[in-house]
């Protein structure tokens, strides 16, 4: 069995940990790389960006796919870790940096079932 550790931001973690959803979309701001590390059912852990640098939760990998942002929002809504489509687009643009986001950017989506969240501590 393999385990993957994905790095995420505090806002995504806090938003989802308050809601305790049954699944989450651990999205990447672009769809350039195909995620082929895990098989369905294997653990996928969440680690916060520096300076926190610790594991804050995880879930079980279901599948990875590339989707236009609008379709990811239609399918997962708040399970993307944000409250609105506009916020989702702004977060994608933030992480794409200089890359042109466009009106409906394609993102990488790792769907995770049964997510769990540890209380954050310093």
C-alpha atoms as a PDB file:
ATOM      1  CA  UNK A   1       0.000   0.000   0.000  1.00  0.00           C
ATOM      2  CA  UNK A   2       1.228   3.480  -0.873  1.00  0.00           C
ATOM      3  CA  UNK A   3       0.538   6.778   0.898  1.00  0.00           C
ATOM      4  CA  UNK A   4       0.680  10.226  -0.698  1.00  0.00           C
ATOM      5  CA  UNK A   5       1.148  13.552   1.075  1.00  0.00           C
ATOM      6  CA  UNK A   6      -0.357  16.543  -0.728  1.00  0.00           C
ATOM      7  CA  UNK A   7       0.523  20.093   0.325  1.00  0.00           C
ATOM      8  CA  UNK A   8      -2.401  22.458   0.839  1.00  0.00           C
ATOM      9  CA  UNK A   9      -3.136  25.872   2.252  1.00  0.00           C
ATOM     10  CA  UNK A  10      -4.599  26.728   5.623  1.00  0.00           C
ATOM     11  CA  UNK A  11      -7.760  28.280   4.144  1.00  0.00           C
ATOM     12  CA  UNK A  12      -8.690  25.067   2.267  1.00  0.00           C
ATOM     13  CA  UNK A  13      -8.076  22.982   5.387  1.00  0.00           C
ATOM     14  CA  UNK A  14      -9.997  25.269   7.760  1.00  0.00           C
ATOM     15  CA  UNK A  15     -12.966  25.645   5.413  1.00  0.00           C
ATOM     16  CA  UNK A  16     -13.373  21.881   5.001  1.00  0.00           C
ATOM     17  CA  UNK A  17     -12.553  20.901   8.581  1.00  0.00           C
ATOM     18  CA  UNK A  18     -15.430  23.117   9.813  1.00  0.00           C
ATOM     19  CA  UNK A  19     -17.844  21.387   7.415  1.00  0.00           C
ATOM     20  CA  UNK A  20     -16.701  17.746   7.736  1.00  0.00           C
ATOM     21  CA  UNK A  21     -17.857  16.712   4.215  1.00  0.00           C
ATOM     22  CA  UNK A  22     -18.183  13.111   3.052  1.00  0.00           C
ATOM     23  CA  UNK A  23     -15.739  13.746   0.188  1.00  0.00           C
ATOM     24  CA  UNK A  24     -13.392  16.516  -0.970  1.00  0.00           C
ATOM     25  CA  UNK A  25     -11.782  17.691  -4.166  1.00  0.00           C
ATOM     26  CA  UNK A  26      -8.061  18.096  -3.515  1.00  0.00           C
ATOM     27  CA  UNK A  27      -7.512  20.255  -6.585  1.00  0.00           C
ATOM     28  CA  UNK A  28      -4.363  21.457  -8.303  1.00  0.00           C
ATOM     29  CA  UNK A  29      -4.386  24.837 -10.076  1.00  0.00           C
ATOM     30  CA  UNK A  30      -3.463  23.332 -13.426  1.00  0.00           C
ATOM     31  CA  UNK A  31      -4.110  20.022 -15.110  1.00  0.00           C
ATOM     32  CA  UNK A  32      -0.652  19.548 -16.594  1.00  0.00           C
ATOM     33  CA  UNK A  33       0.392  16.535 -14.561  1.00  0.00           C
ATOM     34  CA  UNK A  34      -1.555  13.327 -14.411  1.00  0.00           C
ATOM     35  CA  UNK A  35      -1.704  11.886 -10.866  1.00  0.00           C
ATOM     36  CA  UNK A  36      -0.892   8.174 -11.049  1.00  0.00           C
ATOM     37  CA  UNK A  37       0.685   7.509  -7.673  1.00  0.00           C
ATOM     38  CA  UNK A  38      -2.219   5.933  -5.783  1.00  0.00           C
ATOM     39  CA  UNK A  39      -4.744   3.227  -6.459  1.00  0.00           C
ATOM     40  CA  UNK A  40      -8.361   3.701  -5.355  1.00  0.00           C
ATOM     41  CA  UNK A  41      -8.709   3.267  -1.600  1.00  0.00           C
ATOM     42  CA  UNK A  42      -5.118   4.172  -0.730  1.00  0.00           C
ATOM     43  CA  UNK A  43      -4.508   6.964   1.822  1.00  0.00           C
ATOM     44  CA  UNK A  44      -3.891  10.546   0.731  1.00  0.00           C
ATOM     45  CA  UNK A  45      -2.736  12.872   3.529  1.00  0.00           C
ATOM     46  CA  UNK A  46      -2.923  16.699   3.747  1.00  0.00           C
ATOM     47  CA  UNK A  47       0.090  18.726   4.887  1.00  0.00           C
ATOM     48  CA  UNK A  48       0.006  22.489   5.346  1.00  0.00           C
ATOM     49  CA  UNK A  49       2.321  24.860   3.484  1.00  0.00           C
ATOM     50  CA  UNK A  50       5.324  26.293   5.267  1.00  0.00           C
ATOM     51  CA  UNK A  51       5.791  27.495   7.934  1.00  0.00           C
ATOM     52  CA  UNK A  52       3.335  25.036   9.524  1.00  0.00           C
ATOM     53  CA  UNK A  53       4.596  21.948   7.642  1.00  0.00           C
ATOM     54  CA  UNK A  54       2.568  19.282   9.410  1.00  0.00           C
ATOM     55  CA  UNK A  55      -0.059  16.692   8.538  1.00  0.00           C
ATOM     56  CA  UNK A  56      -3.574  17.961   9.287  1.00  0.00           C
ATOM     57  CA  UNK A  57      -5.743  15.184   7.851  1.00  0.00           C
ATOM     58  CA  UNK A  58      -6.377  12.965   4.886  1.00  0.00           C
ATOM     59  CA  UNK A  59      -8.792  10.827   2.983  1.00  0.00           C
ATOM     60  CA  UNK A  60      -8.943   7.831   0.678  1.00  0.00           C
ATOM     61  CA  UNK A  61      -8.118   8.269  -2.977  1.00  0.00           C
ATOM     62  CA  UNK A  62     -11.001   7.654  -5.372  1.00  0.00           C
ATOM     63  CA  UNK A  63      -9.721   8.988  -8.691  1.00  0.00           C
ATOM     64  CA  UNK A  64      -7.947  11.832 -10.444  1.00  0.00           C
ATOM     65  CA  UNK A  65      -9.257  13.732 -13.435  1.00  0.00           C
ATOM     66  CA  UNK A  66      -8.870  17.072 -15.168  1.00  0.00           C
ATOM     67  CA  UNK A  67     -11.999  19.244 -15.169  1.00  0.00           C
ATOM     68  CA  UNK A  68     -12.937  22.774 -16.166  1.00  0.00           C
ATOM     69  CA  UNK A  69     -13.350  24.846 -13.018  1.00  0.00           C
ATOM     70  CA  UNK A  70     -17.069  25.331 -13.686  1.00  0.00           C
ATOM     71  CA  UNK A  71     -17.653  21.568 -13.816  1.00  0.00           C
ATOM     72  CA  UNK A  72     -15.578  20.976 -10.649  1.00  0.00           C
ATOM     73  CA  UNK A  73     -17.713  23.639  -8.949  1.00  0.00           C
ATOM     74  CA  UNK A  74     -20.976  22.076 -10.217  1.00  0.00           C
ATOM     75  CA  UNK A  75     -19.899  18.636  -9.031  1.00  0.00           C
ATOM     76  CA  UNK A  76     -18.359  19.509  -5.667  1.00  0.00           C
ATOM     77  CA  UNK A  77     -19.388  23.049  -4.685  1.00  0.00           C
ATOM     78  CA  UNK A  78     -18.034  23.805  -1.220  1.00  0.00           C
ATOM     79  CA  UNK A  79     -16.198  20.474  -1.176  1.00  0.00           C
ATOM     80  CA  UNK A  80     -13.573  22.328  -3.256  1.00  0.00           C
ATOM     81  CA  UNK A  81     -12.638  24.177  -0.053  1.00  0.00           C
ATOM     82  CA  UNK A  82     -14.198  27.556  -0.878  1.00  0.00           C
ATOM     83  CA  UNK A  83     -17.613  29.179  -0.468  1.00  0.00           C
ATOM     84  CA  UNK A  84     -18.274  30.379  -4.036  1.00  0.00           C
ATOM     85  CA  UNK A  85     -17.283  29.948  -7.664  1.00  0.00           C
ATOM     86  CA  UNK A  86     -15.766  33.454  -7.668  1.00  0.00           C
ATOM     87  CA  UNK A  87     -13.602  32.546  -4.670  1.00  0.00           C
ATOM     88  CA  UNK A  88     -12.627  29.288  -6.400  1.00  0.00           C
ATOM     89  CA  UNK A  89     -11.503  31.185  -9.514  1.00  0.00           C
ATOM     90  CA  UNK A  90      -9.564  33.679  -7.377  1.00  0.00           C
ATOM     91  CA  UNK A  91      -7.794  30.873  -5.508  1.00  0.00           C
ATOM     92  CA  UNK A  92      -6.878  29.135  -8.771  1.00  0.00           C
ATOM     93  CA  UNK A  93      -5.518  32.409 -10.186  1.00  0.00           C
ATOM     94  CA  UNK A  94      -3.476  32.955  -7.008  1.00  0.00           C
ATOM     95  CA  UNK A  95      -1.732  29.621  -7.350  1.00  0.00           C
ATOM     96  CA  UNK A  96      -1.264  29.816 -11.102  1.00  0.00           C
ATOM     97  CA  UNK A  97       0.731  33.012 -10.548  1.00  0.00           C
ATOM     98  CA  UNK A  98       1.749  34.429 -13.954  1.00  0.00           C
ATOM     99  CA  UNK A  99      -0.078  31.745 -15.926  1.00  0.00           C
ATOM    100  CA  UNK A 100      -3.204  32.941 -17.733  1.00  0.00           C
ATOM    101  CA  UNK A 101      -6.196  31.582 -15.862  1.00  0.00           C
ATOM    102  CA  UNK A 102      -8.846  32.239 -18.505  1.00  0.00           C
ATOM    103  CA  UNK A 103     -12.555  32.270 -17.824  1.00  0.00           C
ATOM    104  CA  UNK A 104     -12.914  28.558 -17.079  1.00  0.00           C
ATOM    105  CA  UNK A 105      -9.476  27.062 -16.390  1.00  0.00           C
ATOM    106  CA  UNK A 106      -8.941  23.323 -16.376  1.00  0.00           C
ATOM    107  CA  UNK A 107      -7.668  22.039 -13.040  1.00  0.00           C
ATOM    108  CA  UNK A 108      -6.450  18.716 -11.684  1.00  0.00           C
ATOM    109  CA  UNK A 109      -8.956  17.075  -9.341  1.00  0.00           C
ATOM    110  CA  UNK A 110      -8.077  14.312  -6.890  1.00  0.00           C
ATOM    111  CA  UNK A 111     -11.328  13.084  -5.395  1.00  0.00           C
ATOM    112  CA  UNK A 112     -10.986  11.799  -1.850  1.00  0.00           C
ATOM    113  CA  UNK A 113     -13.595   9.885   0.142  1.00  0.00           C
ATOM    114  CA  UNK A 114     -14.070   9.796   3.905  1.00  0.00           C
ATOM    115  CA  UNK A 115     -11.857  12.801   4.646  1.00  0.00           C
ATOM    116  CA  UNK A 116     -10.645  13.311   8.198  1.00  0.00           C
ATOM    117  CA  UNK A 117      -9.225  16.458   9.765  1.00  0.00           C
ATOM    118  CA  UNK A 118      -6.939  16.760  12.799  1.00  0.00           C
ATOM    119  CA  UNK A 119      -7.282  19.793  15.045  1.00  0.00           C
ATOM    120  CA  UNK A 120      -4.673  22.345  14.005  1.00  0.00           C
ATOM    121  CA  UNK A 121      -2.010  23.059  16.602  1.00  0.00           C
ATOM    122  CA  UNK A 122       1.182  25.099  16.539  1.00  0.00           C
END
